[in-house]
Amino acid sequence: MAVPVIRSLTATPDTLQPGQAAQVVVDAFDPDARTVTVQARVADAAGGEATATTVLTVGDPLRFELTCDDPSVTIVPDPTVPGRFSVRV
């Protein structure tokens, strides 16, 4: 089982004054993840059929964490986007 891979760690903006905030984004993936395609078929009594497919990703869920030793720094994770944080100094 391979470890997760971090493609990038970016801060926007990358320079702050006291009281300002930056957005930090961790772009990572699970190299063990794979995709599978599943297909649905529906038929009616007259013999008409409809099909649809979708792709599922099978992999370990990633848990993102951002920390700082400086007690004046506040880090708040974005609850809607894993890997995105607001950092205030």
Protein backbone atom coordinates (compact mmCIF):
# COMPACT_ATOMS: atom_id res chain seq x y z
CA MET A 1 0.00 0.00 0.00
CA ALA A 2 1.53 3.30 -1.12
CA VAL A 3 1.54 6.46 0.97
CA PRO A 4 -0.49 9.49 -0.19
CA VAL A 5 1.29 11.88 -2.55
CA ILE A 6 1.22 15.66 -2.05
CA ARG A 7 1.39 17.31 -5.47
CA SER A 8 1.48 20.86 -4.14
CA LEU A 9 0.99 23.08 -1.10
CA THR A 10 0.14 26.66 -2.06
CA ALA A 11 -0.68 29.81 -0.11
CA THR A 12 -2.53 32.76 -1.65
CA PRO A 13 -1.30 35.35 -0.92
CA ASP A 14 2.07 34.05 0.24
CA THR A 15 2.99 37.19 2.20
CA LEU A 16 0.80 38.57 5.01
CA GLN A 17 0.71 41.49 7.40
CA PRO A 18 -0.60 40.98 10.97
CA GLY A 19 -4.38 40.60 10.92
CA GLN A 20 -4.47 39.31 7.34
CA ALA A 21 -5.44 35.85 6.14
CA ALA A 22 -4.34 33.54 3.37
CA GLN A 23 -5.92 30.56 1.71
CA VAL A 24 -3.74 27.44 1.82
CA VAL A 25 -4.56 24.51 -0.46
CA VAL A 26 -3.12 21.01 -0.26
CA ASP A 27 -3.39 19.09 -3.54
CA ALA A 28 -2.92 15.40 -2.77
CA PHE A 29 -4.02 12.01 -4.05
CA ASP A 30 -4.02 8.35 -3.13
CA PRO A 31 -1.84 6.42 -5.61
CA ASP A 32 -3.62 3.20 -4.65
CA ALA A 33 -6.94 4.60 -5.86
CA ARG A 34 -8.52 3.01 -8.90
CA THR A 35 -11.65 3.61 -10.89
CA VAL A 36 -14.42 1.18 -11.75
CA THR A 37 -17.21 1.69 -14.23
CA VAL A 38 -20.70 0.51 -13.33
CA GLN A 39 -23.63 0.29 -15.70
CA ALA A 40 -27.37 0.41 -15.04
CA ARG A 41 -29.96 -1.05 -17.38
CA VAL A 42 -33.70 -0.49 -17.18
CA ALA A 43 -36.22 -2.34 -19.35
CA ASP A 44 -39.96 -1.84 -19.69
CA ALA A 45 -42.66 -4.41 -20.48
CA ALA A 46 -42.56 -3.53 -24.20
CA GLY A 47 -38.87 -4.42 -24.38
CA GLY A 48 -37.53 -0.87 -24.48
CA GLU A 49 -34.23 -0.46 -22.69
CA ALA A 50 -32.17 2.40 -21.37
CA THR A 51 -28.63 2.23 -20.03
CA ALA A 52 -26.36 4.61 -18.19
CA THR A 53 -22.84 4.34 -16.84
CA THR A 54 -20.89 6.11 -14.12
CA VAL A 55 -17.34 5.91 -12.84
CA LEU A 56 -16.54 5.32 -9.17
CA THR A 57 -13.20 5.98 -7.50
CA VAL A 58 -12.10 3.32 -5.03
CA GLY A 59 -9.42 4.49 -2.62
CA ASP A 60 -8.57 5.40 0.93
CA PRO A 61 -10.19 8.63 2.09
CA LEU A 62 -7.53 11.26 2.68
CA ARG A 63 -7.47 13.30 5.89
CA PHE A 64 -5.93 16.76 5.50
CA GLU A 65 -4.28 18.58 8.39
CA LEU A 66 -2.44 21.90 8.55
CA THR A 67 -0.58 22.91 11.71
CA CYS A 68 1.64 25.71 12.98
CA ASP A 69 3.73 26.02 16.16
CA ASP A 70 3.13 29.79 16.40
CA PRO A 71 0.25 30.41 18.86
CA SER A 72 -0.69 33.66 17.09
CA VAL A 73 -1.65 31.75 13.93
CA THR A 74 -5.24 30.58 13.51
CA ILE A 75 -5.97 27.77 11.04
CA VAL A 76 -9.54 26.98 10.03
CA PRO A 77 -10.29 24.10 7.64
CA ASP A 78 -12.87 24.69 4.91
CA PRO A 79 -15.70 22.25 5.73
CA THR A 80 -16.77 22.07 2.08
CA VAL A 81 -13.37 21.51 0.43
CA PRO A 82 -10.96 18.96 1.90
CA GLY A 83 -7.40 20.28 1.79
CA ARG A 84 -8.35 23.98 1.82
CA PHE A 85 -7.65 26.11 4.89
CA SER A 86 -7.88 29.73 5.98
CA VAL A 87 -4.77 30.87 7.85
CA ARG A 88 -4.85 34.14 9.82
CA VAL A 89 -1.81 35.79 11.42
